[in-house]
Protein backbone atom coordinates (compact mmCIF):
# COMPACT_ATOMS: atom_id res chain seq x y z
CA MET A 1 -23.64 -23.31 3.39
CA VAL A 2 -23.01 -26.74 4.77
CA GLN A 3 -25.75 -28.17 2.59
CA ILE A 4 -24.33 -26.22 -0.47
CA GLY A 5 -20.87 -27.63 0.22
CA ASN A 6 -22.18 -31.29 0.61
CA PHE A 7 -23.93 -30.86 -2.76
CA PHE A 8 -20.83 -29.54 -4.62
CA PHE A 9 -18.57 -31.99 -2.83
CA LYS A 10 -20.51 -34.85 -4.47
CA TYR A 11 -20.10 -33.30 -7.90
CA ARG A 12 -16.73 -31.60 -7.49
CA ASN A 13 -15.02 -33.43 -10.30
CA PHE A 14 -17.39 -32.23 -12.86
CA LEU A 15 -16.79 -28.69 -11.51
CA PHE A 16 -13.22 -28.85 -12.78
CA ILE A 17 -14.25 -30.05 -16.26
CA PHE A 18 -16.56 -27.03 -16.44
CA LEU A 19 -14.04 -24.55 -15.24
CA TYR A 20 -11.54 -25.81 -17.75
CA LEU A 21 -13.91 -25.51 -20.59
CA ALA A 22 -14.82 -22.06 -19.46
CA LEU A 23 -11.36 -20.79 -20.17
CA PHE A 24 -12.19 -20.82 -23.82
CA ILE A 25 -15.42 -18.78 -23.71
CA PRO A 26 -14.71 -15.48 -25.66
CA SER A 27 -13.74 -12.54 -23.31
CA ALA A 28 -12.24 -9.21 -23.13
CA PRO A 29 -8.71 -9.37 -22.22
CA VAL A 30 -6.99 -8.40 -18.86
CA PHE A 31 -3.93 -7.36 -20.70
CA SER A 32 -4.32 -5.54 -24.10
CA GLU A 33 -2.00 -3.98 -26.67
CA ALA A 34 -3.60 -0.57 -26.16
CA ASP A 35 -2.63 -0.56 -22.42
CA PHE A 36 0.54 -2.61 -22.32
CA GLY A 37 2.13 -2.18 -25.86
CA SER A 38 2.82 -4.67 -28.56
CA ASP A 39 4.45 -7.22 -26.04
CA TYR A 40 1.44 -7.10 -23.94
CA TYR A 41 1.00 -11.08 -24.32
CA ARG A 42 4.30 -11.42 -22.17
CA TYR A 43 2.50 -10.26 -19.07
CA PRO A 44 -0.19 -13.02 -18.94
CA LEU A 45 2.26 -15.50 -20.19
CA ILE A 46 4.80 -15.06 -17.36
CA ILE A 47 2.41 -14.24 -14.74
CA GLY A 48 -0.05 -16.88 -15.43
CA LEU A 49 2.56 -19.71 -15.80
CA ALA A 50 4.13 -18.53 -12.52
CA VAL A 51 0.94 -18.56 -10.50
CA THR A 52 -0.31 -21.95 -12.01
CA VAL A 53 3.04 -23.72 -11.57
CA LEU A 54 3.06 -22.41 -8.02
CA GLY A 55 -0.27 -23.95 -7.53
CA GLN A 56 0.92 -27.40 -8.78
CA LEU A 57 4.08 -27.30 -6.68
CA ILE A 58 1.97 -26.57 -3.41
CA ARG A 59 -0.26 -29.51 -4.28
CA GLY A 60 2.84 -31.67 -5.07
CA ALA A 61 4.59 -30.82 -1.71
CA THR A 62 1.41 -31.36 0.22
CA ILE A 63 0.90 -34.85 -1.30
CA ALA A 64 4.47 -35.85 -1.07
CA LEU A 65 5.00 -34.95 2.53
CA ALA A 66 1.52 -36.00 4.18
CA TYR A 67 -0.98 -37.39 1.92
CA ILE A 68 -4.70 -37.05 2.99
CA VAL A 69 -7.19 -39.34 1.54
CA ARG A 70 -9.34 -37.49 -0.90
CA GLY A 71 -12.57 -38.37 -2.52
CA GLY A 72 -14.69 -38.90 0.55
CA LYS A 73 -16.79 -41.97 1.10
CA ASP A 74 -19.86 -42.66 -0.95
CA LYS A 75 -19.74 -39.24 -2.59
CA LYS A 76 -20.04 -37.59 0.97
CA VAL A 77 -17.33 -36.00 3.23
CA TYR A 78 -15.31 -38.49 5.11
CA ALA A 79 -12.08 -38.75 6.94
CA ASN A 80 -10.75 -41.61 9.05
CA THR A 81 -7.89 -39.57 10.61
CA LEU A 82 -7.22 -35.88 11.16
CA VAL A 83 -4.04 -35.03 9.16
CA THR A 84 -2.21 -32.24 10.77
CA GLU A 85 1.51 -32.78 9.66
CA GLY A 86 3.36 -31.67 6.63
CA ILE A 87 1.90 -28.73 4.77
CA PHE A 88 -1.16 -29.26 6.76
CA ALA A 89 0.59 -27.94 9.83
CA HIS A 90 0.84 -24.50 7.99
CA CYS A 91 -2.63 -24.37 6.23
CA ARG A 92 -5.81 -26.45 6.81
CA ASN A 93 -6.50 -26.68 2.98
CA PRO A 94 -3.28 -26.60 1.10
CA LEU A 95 -4.62 -28.89 -1.88
CA TYR A 96 -7.44 -26.52 -2.33
CA VAL A 97 -5.16 -23.47 -2.20
CA GLY A 98 -3.07 -25.38 -4.93
CA ASN A 99 -6.13 -25.85 -7.00
CA ILE A 100 -7.26 -22.18 -6.80
CA LEU A 101 -3.80 -20.92 -7.79
CA MET A 102 -3.56 -23.38 -10.65
CA LEU A 103 -7.04 -22.09 -12.02
CA VAL A 104 -6.25 -18.46 -11.36
CA GLY A 105 -2.93 -18.96 -13.21
CA VAL A 106 -4.44 -20.48 -16.32
CA GLY A 107 -7.25 -17.75 -16.13
CA ILE A 108 -4.48 -15.18 -16.38
CA LEU A 109 -2.49 -17.12 -18.92
CA VAL A 110 -5.74 -17.25 -21.31
CA ASN A 111 -5.85 -13.54 -20.57
CA SER A 112 -9.70 -13.63 -19.77
CA GLN A 113 -11.53 -10.93 -17.68
CA LEU A 114 -14.71 -13.09 -17.71
CA TYR A 115 -12.99 -16.04 -16.25
CA LEU A 116 -11.13 -14.06 -13.57
CA LEU A 117 -14.08 -11.88 -12.57
CA VAL A 118 -16.96 -14.31 -12.85
CA PHE A 119 -15.76 -17.86 -12.78
CA ILE A 120 -13.09 -17.51 -10.24
CA PRO A 121 -15.28 -15.82 -7.64
CA LEU A 122 -17.95 -18.53 -8.24
CA PHE A 123 -15.25 -21.34 -7.90
CA LEU A 124 -14.18 -19.66 -4.57
CA PHE A 125 -17.65 -19.57 -3.34
CA ILE A 126 -18.21 -23.09 -4.00
CA TYR A 127 -14.93 -23.98 -2.45
CA GLN A 128 -15.79 -22.10 0.73
CA ALA A 129 -19.07 -24.03 0.99
CA ILE A 130 -17.07 -27.43 0.49
CA VAL A 131 -14.60 -26.50 3.09
CA LEU A 132 -17.35 -25.43 5.50
CA ALA A 133 -19.02 -28.82 4.88
CA GLU A 134 -15.81 -30.52 5.55
CA GLU A 135 -15.04 -28.76 8.79
CA HIS A 136 -18.69 -29.33 9.93
CA PHE A 137 -17.93 -33.11 9.51
CA LEU A 138 -14.43 -32.98 11.10
CA ARG A 139 -15.68 -31.01 14.07
CA ASN A 140 -18.35 -33.58 14.81
CA LYS A 141 -15.96 -36.51 14.51
CA PHE A 142 -12.82 -35.18 16.10
CA GLY A 143 -14.19 -32.45 18.55
CA VAL A 144 -11.71 -30.66 20.55
CA GLU A 145 -8.87 -32.05 18.51
CA PHE A 146 -10.05 -30.27 15.34
CA ASP A 147 -10.99 -27.11 17.21
CA ALA A 148 -7.38 -26.98 18.55
CA TYR A 149 -6.08 -27.48 15.05
CA ALA A 150 -8.35 -24.82 13.65
CA LYS A 151 -7.17 -22.34 16.15
CA ARG A 152 -3.55 -22.72 15.30
CA VAL A 153 -3.76 -23.23 11.63
CA HIS A 154 -5.43 -20.86 9.21
CA ARG A 155 -8.14 -21.98 6.76
CA TRP A 156 -6.68 -20.59 3.63
CA LEU A 157 -3.34 -18.72 4.26
CA ILE A 158 -0.06 -20.83 4.19
CA ASN A 159 1.89 -19.74 7.15
CA PRO A 160 5.63 -19.70 6.09
CA LEU A 161 7.08 -19.79 9.45
CA GLY A 162 8.99 -23.14 9.97
CA LEU A 163 7.89 -24.32 6.56
CA GLY A 164 11.43 -25.07 5.56
CA LYS A 165 12.00 -27.04 8.79
CA THR A 166 8.76 -29.04 8.10
CA ILE A 167 9.99 -29.95 4.67
CA ALA A 168 13.30 -30.80 5.73
CA GLY A 169 12.18 -32.96 8.55
CA MET A 170 9.91 -35.26 6.46
CA HIS A 171 10.36 -37.74 3.64
CA PHE A 172 9.38 -36.29 0.43
CA SER A 173 7.68 -39.03 -1.49
CA TRP A 174 8.03 -37.76 -5.24
CA LYS A 175 6.55 -41.33 -6.19
CA ARG A 176 3.39 -40.75 -4.24
CA TRP A 177 3.26 -37.25 -5.91
CA LEU A 178 3.29 -38.76 -9.36
CA MET A 179 1.01 -41.59 -8.61
CA ARG A 180 -1.62 -39.66 -6.80
CA GLU A 181 -1.42 -36.54 -9.21
CA TYR A 182 -0.85 -37.66 -12.58
CA ASN A 183 -4.35 -37.41 -13.73
CA THR A 184 -4.61 -33.80 -12.44
CA GLN A 185 -1.16 -32.94 -13.89
CA VAL A 186 -2.20 -34.30 -17.35
CA VAL A 187 -5.41 -32.43 -17.69
CA TRP A 188 -3.70 -29.31 -16.33
CA LEU A 189 -0.71 -29.46 -18.71
CA LEU A 190 -3.02 -30.15 -21.78
CA CYS A 191 -4.99 -27.14 -21.02
CA ILE A 192 -1.89 -25.00 -20.93
CA VAL A 193 -0.65 -26.56 -24.09
CA VAL A 194 -4.00 -25.73 -25.90
CA ILE A 195 -3.60 -22.12 -24.51
CA LEU A 196 -0.06 -21.66 -25.58
CA VAL A 197 -0.48 -23.23 -29.00
CA PHE A 198 -3.91 -21.85 -30.11
CA LYS A 199 -4.20 -18.74 -28.24
CA TYR A 200 -0.73 -17.41 -28.54
CA THR A 201 -0.89 -16.38 -32.11
CA HIS A 202 1.53 -13.62 -31.49
CA TRP A 203 4.48 -16.13 -32.14
CA GLN A 204 3.50 -16.05 -35.82
CA TRP A 205 3.46 -19.83 -36.09
CA GLY A 206 2.11 -21.31 -39.29
CA ASP A 207 -0.77 -23.59 -38.88
CA ALA A 208 1.37 -26.56 -39.86
CA THR A 209 3.91 -25.81 -37.26
CA ARG A 210 1.32 -25.15 -34.67
CA ASN A 211 -0.42 -28.40 -35.19
CA THR A 212 2.85 -30.35 -35.17
CA TRP A 213 3.75 -29.03 -31.88
CA PHE A 214 0.37 -29.64 -30.54
CA ILE A 215 0.53 -33.26 -31.73
CA ILE A 216 4.03 -33.73 -30.18
CA ALA A 217 2.84 -32.26 -26.80
CA VAL A 218 -0.14 -34.42 -26.80
CA LEU A 219 1.96 -37.63 -27.55
CA VAL A 220 4.46 -36.63 -24.72
CA LEU A 221 1.52 -36.19 -22.30
CA ALA A 222 -0.04 -39.54 -23.28
CA CYS A 223 3.36 -41.37 -22.86
CA TYR A 224 3.68 -39.75 -19.50
CA TYR A 225 0.03 -40.76 -18.52
CA GLY A 226 0.52 -44.17 -19.71
CA ALA A 227 3.90 -44.88 -18.01
CA ILE A 228 2.84 -43.57 -14.62
CA ARG A 229 -0.52 -45.31 -14.78
CA TYR A 230 1.30 -48.64 -15.77
CA LEU A 231 3.90 -48.28 -13.01
CA LYS A 232 1.06 -47.65 -10.54
CA LYS A 233 -1.44 -50.53 -11.69
CA SER A 234 1.28 -53.12 -12.21
CA GLY A 235 2.99 -52.57 -8.89
CA LYS A 236 6.25 -51.70 -10.40
CA TRP A 237 6.65 -49.03 -7.88
CA GLU A 238 6.27 -50.10 -4.34
CA LYS A 239 3.10 -49.11 -2.52
CA VAL A 240 3.47 -45.72 -0.94
């Protein structure tokens, strides 16, 4: 599993491109009119948005409180310090938990059995392999320090006990959240926009109206991306 994890760690960014594209493969629905009535689409809409937004909020809180350097080194697992504060004091992999919830949420939103029953389990297997590879590295580098951390903090489940105290006792850097996360946010939001505009035909939009709203949303996201990127690259925001 460690070797599998090292392989997928190297190419994990391509994994997300594949998973977002897989959302639009035709599939039987999870919620259907036959089972849930004419308003069946409200179930994937509400549940899907709630789950996927929760995932982004978990990622945001993790990054804003105690950022961990991502990306490895030379496309290999790497860490120069063992981060155990912030959300990492309640879960060893909160960023990955956020990713999982974001993808499960859009899978529910797009109402795809195929995505939730095939692609999500595949994604979980790959993530488990990546985490085992990372833990193998951390255990070799930090030894008993990592072992002690692993004993008190769960790999996947976020322990809510004391979470409010942790958040209140640390500086919440929303600038770091935006600067480190804007790429992920824009891709994620664009995916949601495409699903809502082109999959939710129950709203009886005309083609012209649908296309207009899509263009407006894309322009807003492009402006957001451009503004954050400019502030980051120009140094207008202080380094965080």
